[in-house]
């Protein structure tokens, strides 16, 4: 694809995000858009954000679980950058009108203490690199109308990232059993869905290794202090109403936030 076309796609998606108004899937307007060119769109968006004062703070993996791929019509994971502006605090309500068609996911978040770079990263490498983990919620929100996405569409849209909320119970990974930790999402005190970290490619360390090895193809390495989201352990739930969300990993901790109208 032409560089000008990549910039046009990035501009269209940034405008959709800023105005909370969706656009037609990029692959409809630009049918030659593929995964590699979509990742180039990601980079354009990331570099523009940093030029405006934002920070690159990590990376995410999405649609890693079969239930998530089925929900959004994908057959492989997506991935993207995490910018500092994406992160929100538990105590600050999320305004529903800021989003287009958001969903809530519960997942672990890893904070790295050592660098991690592929290719050929193993689960052992990931375990050695992770400093600690916290429960996290990701609000995903596609800028593509009706979530009518293929892989290039969601990649160009930075993995449909909306916001990330980190919980306040950091744990050393040796104190957790992330091969099979039960996670539960509640809305207004009612359980809406549950899952297990084993759904994250067997365990979230394996998912992180997959992500690191995939991004190595783009000469990307993970740095100490960065946040890595390895993917959700359960199917995403629509965030349509105001109220209180709480995501809990059994034996570990809870991350919570409120949704407001303004």
C-alpha atoms as a PDB file:
ATOM      1  CA  UNK A   1       0.000   0.000   0.000  1.00  0.00           C
ATOM      2  CA  UNK A   2       1.023   3.608  -0.505  1.00  0.00           C
ATOM      3  CA  UNK A   3       2.244   5.510   2.541  1.00  0.00           C
ATOM      4  CA  UNK A   4      -0.432   8.119   1.896  1.00  0.00           C
ATOM      5  CA  UNK A   5      -3.112   5.429   2.145  1.00  0.00           C
ATOM      6  CA  UNK A   6      -1.753   4.217   5.483  1.00  0.00           C
ATOM      7  CA  UNK A   7      -1.885   7.782   6.803  1.00  0.00           C
ATOM      8  CA  UNK A   8      -5.450   8.158   5.512  1.00  0.00           C
ATOM      9  CA  UNK A   9      -6.520   5.025   7.417  1.00  0.00           C
ATOM     10  CA  UNK A  10      -4.780   6.200  10.583  1.00  0.00           C
ATOM     11  CA  UNK A  11      -6.453   9.610  10.322  1.00  0.00           C
ATOM     12  CA  UNK A  12      -9.889   8.078   9.781  1.00  0.00           C
ATOM     13  CA  UNK A  13      -9.539   5.834  12.844  1.00  0.00           C
ATOM     14  CA  UNK A  14      -8.130   8.617  15.045  1.00  0.00           C
ATOM     15  CA  UNK A  15     -11.025  10.855  14.060  1.00  0.00           C
ATOM     16  CA  UNK A  16     -13.510   8.080  14.829  1.00  0.00           C
ATOM     17  CA  UNK A  17     -11.951   7.653  18.276  1.00  0.00           C
ATOM     18  CA  UNK A  18     -11.944  11.381  18.999  1.00  0.00           C
ATOM     19  CA  UNK A  19     -15.572  11.833  17.931  1.00  0.00           C
ATOM     20  CA  UNK A  20     -16.858   8.479  19.246  1.00  0.00           C
ATOM     21  CA  UNK A  21     -18.406   7.877  15.821  1.00  0.00           C
ATOM     22  CA  UNK A  22     -17.578   4.650  13.933  1.00  0.00           C
ATOM     23  CA  UNK A  23     -16.354   4.328  10.386  1.00  0.00           C
ATOM     24  CA  UNK A  24     -16.702   1.656   7.732  1.00  0.00           C
ATOM     25  CA  UNK A  25     -14.156  -1.149   8.032  1.00  0.00           C
ATOM     26  CA  UNK A  26     -10.865  -0.013   6.478  1.00  0.00           C
ATOM     27  CA  UNK A  27     -10.688  -3.203   4.392  1.00  0.00           C
ATOM     28  CA  UNK A  28     -13.903  -2.121   2.665  1.00  0.00           C
ATOM     29  CA  UNK A  29     -12.396   1.164   1.501  1.00  0.00           C
ATOM     30  CA  UNK A  30      -8.835  -0.138   1.158  1.00  0.00           C
ATOM     31  CA  UNK A  31      -9.202  -3.834   0.186  1.00  0.00           C
ATOM     32  CA  UNK A  32      -5.428  -4.358  -0.127  1.00  0.00           C
ATOM     33  CA  UNK A  33      -4.953  -3.679   3.595  1.00  0.00           C
ATOM     34  CA  UNK A  34      -3.285  -6.725   5.167  1.00  0.00           C
ATOM     35  CA  UNK A  35      -1.844  -7.515   8.610  1.00  0.00           C
ATOM     36  CA  UNK A  36       1.562  -5.991   7.920  1.00  0.00           C
ATOM     37  CA  UNK A  37       0.221  -2.766   6.461  1.00  0.00           C
ATOM     38  CA  UNK A  38      -2.344  -2.569   9.282  1.00  0.00           C
ATOM     39  CA  UNK A  39       0.489  -2.751  11.793  1.00  0.00           C
ATOM     40  CA  UNK A  40       2.151   0.100   9.898  1.00  0.00           C
ATOM     41  CA  UNK A  41      -1.056   2.076  10.506  1.00  0.00           C
ATOM     42  CA  UNK A  42      -0.689   1.287  14.211  1.00  0.00           C
ATOM     43  CA  UNK A  43       2.815   2.696  14.187  1.00  0.00           C
ATOM     44  CA  UNK A  44       1.679   5.891  12.479  1.00  0.00           C
ATOM     45  CA  UNK A  45      -0.978   6.364  15.167  1.00  0.00           C
ATOM     46  CA  UNK A  46       1.451   5.594  17.986  1.00  0.00           C
ATOM     47  CA  UNK A  47       4.125   7.944  16.657  1.00  0.00           C
ATOM     48  CA  UNK A  48       1.583  10.733  16.231  1.00  0.00           C
ATOM     49  CA  UNK A  49       0.400  10.267  19.819  1.00  0.00           C
ATOM     50  CA  UNK A  50       3.957  10.368  21.163  1.00  0.00           C
ATOM     51  CA  UNK A  51       4.656  13.505  19.122  1.00  0.00           C
ATOM     52  CA  UNK A  52       1.671  15.044  20.929  1.00  0.00           C
ATOM     53  CA  UNK A  53       3.140  14.155  24.350  1.00  0.00           C
ATOM     54  CA  UNK A  54       1.850  10.623  24.976  1.00  0.00           C
ATOM     55  CA  UNK A  55       4.041   7.690  26.113  1.00  0.00           C
ATOM     56  CA  UNK A  56       4.512   4.122  24.920  1.00  0.00           C
ATOM     57  CA  UNK A  57       4.089   1.996  28.055  1.00  0.00           C
ATOM     58  CA  UNK A  58       3.519  -1.547  26.787  1.00  0.00           C
ATOM     59  CA  UNK A  59       1.763  -3.948  24.454  1.00  0.00           C
ATOM     60  CA  UNK A  60      -1.427  -5.989  24.352  1.00  0.00           C
ATOM     61  CA  UNK A  61      -2.664  -9.243  22.913  1.00  0.00           C
ATOM     62  CA  UNK A  62      -6.338  -9.657  22.132  1.00  0.00           C
ATOM     63  CA  UNK A  63      -8.760 -12.319  20.963  1.00  0.00           C
ATOM     64  CA  UNK A  64      -6.427 -15.037  22.197  1.00  0.00           C
ATOM     65  CA  UNK A  65      -9.225 -17.173  23.677  1.00  0.00           C
ATOM     66  CA  UNK A  66     -11.498 -19.182  21.363  1.00  0.00           C
ATOM     67  CA  UNK A  67     -14.604 -17.602  22.931  1.00  0.00           C
ATOM     68  CA  UNK A  68     -13.293 -14.153  22.007  1.00  0.00           C
ATOM     69  CA  UNK A  69     -12.475 -15.135  18.427  1.00  0.00           C
ATOM     70  CA  UNK A  70     -15.943 -16.602  18.037  1.00  0.00           C
ATOM     71  CA  UNK A  71     -17.544 -13.462  19.495  1.00  0.00           C
ATOM     72  CA  UNK A  72     -15.902 -11.112  17.002  1.00  0.00           C
ATOM     73  CA  UNK A  73     -15.587 -13.362  13.976  1.00  0.00           C
ATOM     74  CA  UNK A  74     -11.801 -13.679  14.013  1.00  0.00           C
ATOM     75  CA  UNK A  75      -9.641 -16.770  13.627  1.00  0.00           C
ATOM     76  CA  UNK A  76      -6.390 -15.465  15.138  1.00  0.00           C
ATOM     77  CA  UNK A  77      -5.239 -13.003  17.801  1.00  0.00           C
ATOM     78  CA  UNK A  78      -4.740  -9.283  17.378  1.00  0.00           C
ATOM     79  CA  UNK A  79      -2.170  -7.083  19.088  1.00  0.00           C
ATOM     80  CA  UNK A  80      -1.294  -3.475  19.637  1.00  0.00           C
ATOM     81  CA  UNK A  81       0.549  -0.739  21.481  1.00  0.00           C
ATOM     82  CA  UNK A  82      -0.424   0.502  24.935  1.00  0.00           C
ATOM     83  CA  UNK A  83      -0.130   4.257  25.385  1.00  0.00           C
ATOM     84  CA  UNK A  84      -0.081   6.057  28.726  1.00  0.00           C
ATOM     85  CA  UNK A  85      -3.242   7.964  27.810  1.00  0.00           C
ATOM     86  CA  UNK A  86      -5.080   4.646  27.525  1.00  0.00           C
ATOM     87  CA  UNK A  87      -4.760   3.925  31.256  1.00  0.00           C
ATOM     88  CA  UNK A  88      -7.417   4.992  33.762  1.00  0.00           C
ATOM     89  CA  UNK A  89      -7.648   4.795  37.550  1.00  0.00           C
ATOM     90  CA  UNK A  90     -10.145   2.625  39.399  1.00  0.00           C
ATOM     91  CA  UNK A  91     -11.581   5.617  41.245  1.00  0.00           C
ATOM     92  CA  UNK A  92     -12.361   7.681  38.141  1.00  0.00           C
ATOM     93  CA  UNK A  93     -15.681   6.783  36.461  1.00  0.00           C
ATOM     94  CA  UNK A  94     -15.649   5.997  32.754  1.00  0.00           C
ATOM     95  CA  UNK A  95     -18.071   8.112  30.755  1.00  0.00           C
ATOM     96  CA  UNK A  96     -20.152   5.875  28.515  1.00  0.00           C
ATOM     97  CA  UNK A  97     -20.436   8.495  25.777  1.00  0.00           C
ATOM     98  CA  UNK A  98     -16.665   8.488  25.285  1.00  0.00           C
ATOM     99  CA  UNK A  99     -17.007   5.071  23.689  1.00  0.00           C
ATOM    100  CA  UNK A 100     -18.741   3.744  20.592  1.00  0.00           C
ATOM    101  CA  UNK A 101     -19.669   0.116  21.368  1.00  0.00           C
ATOM    102  CA  UNK A 102     -17.506  -0.922  24.333  1.00  0.00           C
ATOM    103  CA  UNK A 103     -16.995  -4.319  25.974  1.00  0.00           C
ATOM    104  CA  UNK A 104     -15.379  -5.208  29.307  1.00  0.00           C
ATOM    105  CA  UNK A 105     -12.665  -7.874  29.636  1.00  0.00           C
ATOM    106  CA  UNK A 106     -10.905  -9.261  32.712  1.00  0.00           C
ATOM    107  CA  UNK A 107      -7.278 -10.277  32.326  1.00  0.00           C
ATOM    108  CA  UNK A 108      -3.965 -10.376  34.163  1.00  0.00           C
ATOM    109  CA  UNK A 109      -1.423  -7.655  33.473  1.00  0.00           C
ATOM    110  CA  UNK A 110       2.311  -8.310  33.654  1.00  0.00           C
ATOM    111  CA  UNK A 111       4.848  -5.629  34.576  1.00  0.00           C
ATOM    112  CA  UNK A 112       8.298  -6.508  33.308  1.00  0.00           C
ATOM    113  CA  UNK A 113      11.458  -6.336  35.395  1.00  0.00           C
ATOM    114  CA  UNK A 114      13.767  -7.469  32.585  1.00  0.00           C
ATOM    115  CA  UNK A 115      13.893  -6.994  28.811  1.00  0.00           C
ATOM    116  CA  UNK A 116      12.217  -9.580  26.627  1.00  0.00           C
ATOM    117  CA  UNK A 117      12.824  -9.934  22.912  1.00  0.00           C
ATOM    118  CA  UNK A 118      12.127 -12.510  20.265  1.00  0.00           C
ATOM    119  CA  UNK A 119      12.209 -14.502  18.184  1.00  0.00           C
ATOM    120  CA  UNK A 120      12.196 -17.837  20.000  1.00  0.00           C
ATOM    121  CA  UNK A 121      11.123 -16.498  23.404  1.00  0.00           C
ATOM    122  CA  UNK A 122       9.994 -19.333  25.678  1.00  0.00           C
ATOM    123  CA  UNK A 123       7.612 -19.488  28.626  1.00  0.00           C
ATOM    124  CA  UNK A 124      10.682 -19.747  30.868  1.00  0.00           C
ATOM    125  CA  UNK A 125      11.995 -16.482  29.415  1.00  0.00           C
ATOM    126  CA  UNK A 126       8.683 -14.781  30.165  1.00  0.00           C
ATOM    127  CA  UNK A 127       8.598 -16.046  33.749  1.00  0.00           C
ATOM    128  CA  UNK A 128      12.128 -14.767  34.292  1.00  0.00           C
ATOM    129  CA  UNK A 129      11.234 -11.346  32.844  1.00  0.00           C
ATOM    130  CA  UNK A 130       7.976 -10.653  34.724  1.00  0.00           C
ATOM    131  CA  UNK A 131       8.463  -8.611  37.891  1.00  0.00           C
ATOM    132  CA  UNK A 132       4.876  -8.906  39.140  1.00  0.00           C
ATOM    133  CA  UNK A 133       1.269  -9.171  37.987  1.00  0.00           C
ATOM    134  CA  UNK A 134      -1.918  -7.246  38.759  1.00  0.00           C
ATOM    135  CA  UNK A 135      -5.568  -7.895  37.909  1.00  0.00           C
ATOM    136  CA  UNK A 136      -6.659  -5.694  35.021  1.00  0.00           C
ATOM    137  CA  UNK A 137      -9.721  -4.725  33.052  1.00  0.00           C
ATOM    138  CA  UNK A 138      -9.497  -3.741  29.424  1.00  0.00           C
ATOM    139  CA  UNK A 139     -12.359  -1.861  27.824  1.00  0.00           C
ATOM    140  CA  UNK A 140     -12.269  -2.735  24.146  1.00  0.00           C
ATOM    141  CA  UNK A 141     -14.022  -0.445  21.685  1.00  0.00           C
ATOM    142  CA  UNK A 142     -13.819  -0.787  17.930  1.00  0.00           C
ATOM    143  CA  UNK A 143     -13.848   2.316  15.780  1.00  0.00           C
ATOM    144  CA  UNK A 144     -15.289   0.079  13.040  1.00  0.00           C
ATOM    145  CA  UNK A 145     -19.047   0.221  12.646  1.00  0.00           C
ATOM    146  CA  UNK A 146     -20.897  -2.710  14.238  1.00  0.00           C
ATOM    147  CA  UNK A 147     -17.594  -4.473  15.023  1.00  0.00           C
ATOM    148  CA  UNK A 148     -17.613  -5.704  11.410  1.00  0.00           C
ATOM    149  CA  UNK A 149     -13.896  -6.452  11.554  1.00  0.00           C
ATOM    150  CA  UNK A 150     -11.365  -8.722   9.967  1.00  0.00           C
ATOM    151  CA  UNK A 151      -7.852  -9.030  11.338  1.00  0.00           C
ATOM    152  CA  UNK A 152      -6.410  -6.090   9.329  1.00  0.00           C
ATOM    153  CA  UNK A 153      -9.261  -3.855  10.532  1.00  0.00           C
ATOM    154  CA  UNK A 154      -8.704  -4.476  14.228  1.00  0.00           C
ATOM    155  CA  UNK A 155      -4.926  -4.313  13.834  1.00  0.00           C
ATOM    156  CA  UNK A 156      -5.184  -0.929  12.121  1.00  0.00           C
ATOM    157  CA  UNK A 157      -7.411   0.108  15.048  1.00  0.00           C
ATOM    158  CA  UNK A 158      -4.660  -0.886  17.509  1.00  0.00           C
ATOM    159  CA  UNK A 159      -6.368  -4.070  18.606  1.00  0.00           C
ATOM    160  CA  UNK A 160      -9.621  -2.210  19.351  1.00  0.00           C
ATOM    161  CA  UNK A 161      -8.167  -0.841  22.582  1.00  0.00           C
ATOM    162  CA  UNK A 162     -10.364   1.576  24.522  1.00  0.00           C
ATOM    163  CA  UNK A 163      -8.998   1.846  28.056  1.00  0.00           C
ATOM    164  CA  UNK A 164      -7.005  -0.168  30.596  1.00  0.00           C
ATOM    165  CA  UNK A 165      -7.593  -0.183  34.357  1.00  0.00           C
ATOM    166  CA  UNK A 166      -5.013  -1.824  36.616  1.00  0.00           C
ATOM    167  CA  UNK A 167      -5.932  -3.209  40.024  1.00  0.00           C
ATOM    168  CA  UNK A 168      -4.054  -2.509  43.239  1.00  0.00           C
ATOM    169  CA  UNK A 169      -3.031  -6.015  44.318  1.00  0.00           C
ATOM    170  CA  UNK A 170       0.378  -6.706  42.784  1.00  0.00           C
ATOM    171  CA  UNK A 171       1.677 -10.236  43.285  1.00  0.00           C
ATOM    172  CA  UNK A 172       4.896 -12.016  42.471  1.00  0.00           C
ATOM    173  CA  UNK A 173       4.056 -14.634  39.883  1.00  0.00           C
ATOM    174  CA  UNK A 174       5.503 -17.407  42.086  1.00  0.00           C
ATOM    175  CA  UNK A 175       2.594 -16.673  44.455  1.00  0.00           C
ATOM    176  CA  UNK A 176      -0.020 -17.230  41.729  1.00  0.00           C
ATOM    177  CA  UNK A 177      -1.268 -20.266  39.805  1.00  0.00           C
ATOM    178  CA  UNK A 178      -1.911 -18.667  36.455  1.00  0.00           C
ATOM    179  CA  UNK A 179      -2.256 -21.999  34.660  1.00  0.00           C
ATOM    180  CA  UNK A 180      -5.808 -22.209  36.054  1.00  0.00           C
ATOM    181  CA  UNK A 181      -7.000 -19.193  38.059  1.00  0.00           C
ATOM    182  CA  UNK A 182     -10.730 -18.536  38.028  1.00  0.00           C
ATOM    183  CA  UNK A 183     -11.798 -15.053  36.982  1.00  0.00           C
ATOM    184  CA  UNK A 184     -15.268 -13.569  37.462  1.00  0.00           C
ATOM    185  CA  UNK A 185     -16.893 -10.360  36.211  1.00  0.00           C
ATOM    186  CA  UNK A 186     -19.693  -8.729  38.206  1.00  0.00           C
ATOM    187  CA  UNK A 187     -21.915  -5.827  37.180  1.00  0.00           C
ATOM    188  CA  UNK A 188     -23.863  -4.073  39.937  1.00  0.00           C
ATOM    189  CA  UNK A 189     -23.156  -7.024  42.235  1.00  0.00           C
ATOM    190  CA  UNK A 190     -24.447  -9.659  39.798  1.00  0.00           C
ATOM    191  CA  UNK A 191     -22.122 -12.210  38.233  1.00  0.00           C
ATOM    192  CA  UNK A 192     -22.264 -11.887  34.463  1.00  0.00           C
ATOM    193  CA  UNK A 193     -19.506 -14.249  33.301  1.00  0.00           C
ATOM    194  CA  UNK A 194     -16.615 -16.372  34.530  1.00  0.00           C
ATOM    195  CA  UNK A 195     -13.555 -17.978  32.975  1.00  0.00           C
ATOM    196  CA  UNK A 196     -10.074 -19.281  33.693  1.00  0.00           C
ATOM    197  CA  UNK A 197      -6.578 -18.107  32.866  1.00  0.00           C
ATOM    198  CA  UNK A 198      -6.036 -21.494  31.186  1.00  0.00           C
ATOM    199  CA  UNK A 199      -8.123 -20.023  28.334  1.00  0.00           C
ATOM    200  CA  UNK A 200      -5.264 -17.589  27.606  1.00  0.00           C
ATOM    201  CA  UNK A 201      -3.364 -19.938  25.288  1.00  0.00           C
ATOM    202  CA  UNK A 202      -3.041 -22.498  28.099  1.00  0.00           C
ATOM    203  CA  UNK A 203      -1.587 -19.869  30.443  1.00  0.00           C
ATOM    204  CA  UNK A 204      -0.836 -16.144  30.070  1.00  0.00           C
ATOM    205  CA  UNK A 205       2.937 -16.742  30.051  1.00  0.00           C
ATOM    206  CA  UNK A 206       2.541 -18.714  26.818  1.00  0.00           C
ATOM    207  CA  UNK A 207       0.400 -15.928  25.374  1.00  0.00           C
ATOM    208  CA  UNK A 208       3.068 -13.365  26.269  1.00  0.00           C
ATOM    209  CA  UNK A 209       5.738 -15.482  24.578  1.00  0.00           C
ATOM    210  CA  UNK A 210       3.530 -15.683  21.477  1.00  0.00           C
ATOM    211  CA  UNK A 211       3.094 -11.899  21.461  1.00  0.00           C
ATOM    212  CA  UNK A 212       6.791 -11.213  21.934  1.00  0.00           C
ATOM    213  CA  UNK A 213       7.731 -13.582  19.125  1.00  0.00           C
ATOM    214  CA  UNK A 214       5.081 -12.137  16.806  1.00  0.00           C
ATOM    215  CA  UNK A 215       6.194  -8.550  17.372  1.00  0.00           C
ATOM    216  CA  UNK A 216       9.833  -9.507  16.862  1.00  0.00           C
ATOM    217  CA  UNK A 217       8.949  -9.627  13.160  1.00  0.00           C
ATOM    218  CA  UNK A 218       8.498  -5.845  13.429  1.00  0.00           C
ATOM    219  CA  UNK A 219      11.770  -5.367  15.359  1.00  0.00           C
ATOM    220  CA  UNK A 220       9.898  -4.740  18.605  1.00  0.00           C
ATOM    221  CA  UNK A 221      11.275  -5.841  21.971  1.00  0.00           C
ATOM    222  CA  UNK A 222       9.727  -5.443  25.415  1.00  0.00           C
ATOM    223  CA  UNK A 223      11.480  -3.221  27.962  1.00  0.00           C
ATOM    224  CA  UNK A 224      11.676  -3.290  31.790  1.00  0.00           C
ATOM    225  CA  UNK A 225       8.773  -1.420  33.345  1.00  0.00           C
ATOM    226  CA  UNK A 226       6.427  -2.012  30.427  1.00  0.00           C
ATOM    227  CA  UNK A 227       2.930  -3.428  30.897  1.00  0.00           C
ATOM    228  CA  UNK A 228       1.967  -6.514  28.913  1.00  0.00           C
ATOM    229  CA  UNK A 229      -1.676  -7.567  28.572  1.00  0.00           C
ATOM    230  CA  UNK A 230      -1.689 -11.228  27.455  1.00  0.00           C
ATOM    231  CA  UNK A 231      -5.426 -11.391  26.736  1.00  0.00           C
ATOM    232  CA  UNK A 232      -8.735 -12.002  28.439  1.00  0.00           C
ATOM    233  CA  UNK A 233      -9.637 -15.178  30.297  1.00  0.00           C
ATOM    234  CA  UNK A 234     -13.325 -14.847  29.457  1.00  0.00           C
ATOM    235  CA  UNK A 235     -15.693 -13.581  26.801  1.00  0.00           C
ATOM    236  CA  UNK A 236     -16.028  -9.789  26.684  1.00  0.00           C
ATOM    237  CA  UNK A 237     -19.272  -8.328  28.082  1.00  0.00           C
ATOM    238  CA  UNK A 238     -21.048  -5.288  26.562  1.00  0.00           C
ATOM    239  CA  UNK A 239     -20.674  -2.055  28.565  1.00  0.00           C
ATOM    240  CA  UNK A 240     -24.017  -0.475  27.749  1.00  0.00           C
ATOM    241  CA  UNK A 241     -25.322   0.789  31.102  1.00  0.00           C
ATOM    242  CA  UNK A 242     -24.174   2.986  33.926  1.00  0.00           C
ATOM    243  CA  UNK A 243     -23.193   1.128  37.087  1.00  0.00           C
ATOM    244  CA  UNK A 244     -20.374  -0.651  38.873  1.00  0.00           C
ATOM    245  CA  UNK A 245     -18.046  -3.285  37.393  1.00  0.00           C
ATOM    246  CA  UNK A 246     -15.805  -5.582  39.418  1.00  0.00           C
ATOM    247  CA  UNK A 247     -13.457  -8.222  38.076  1.00  0.00           C
ATOM    248  CA  UNK A 248     -11.984 -10.731  40.505  1.00  0.00           C
ATOM    249  CA  UNK A 249      -9.319 -13.394  40.227  1.00  0.00           C
ATOM    250  CA  UNK A 250      -9.865 -15.948  42.988  1.00  0.00           C
ATOM    251  CA  UNK A 251      -7.122 -15.954  45.605  1.00  0.00           C
ATOM    252  CA  UNK A 252      -5.552 -12.862  44.085  1.00  0.00           C
ATOM    253  CA  UNK A 253      -7.510  -9.617  43.897  1.00  0.00           C
ATOM    254  CA  UNK A 254     -10.178  -7.411  42.363  1.00  0.00           C
ATOM    255  CA  UNK A 255     -10.182  -4.495  39.948  1.00  0.00           C
ATOM    256  CA  UNK A 256     -13.230  -2.203  39.879  1.00  0.00           C
ATOM    257  CA  UNK A 257     -14.603   0.827  38.092  1.00  0.00           C
ATOM    258  CA  UNK A 258     -17.833   2.741  37.551  1.00  0.00           C
ATOM    259  CA  UNK A 259     -19.560   3.777  34.351  1.00  0.00           C
ATOM    260  CA  UNK A 260     -21.266   7.163  34.369  1.00  0.00           C
ATOM    261  CA  UNK A 261     -23.308   9.220  31.916  1.00  0.00           C
ATOM    262  CA  UNK A 262     -21.003  12.241  32.219  1.00  0.00           C
END
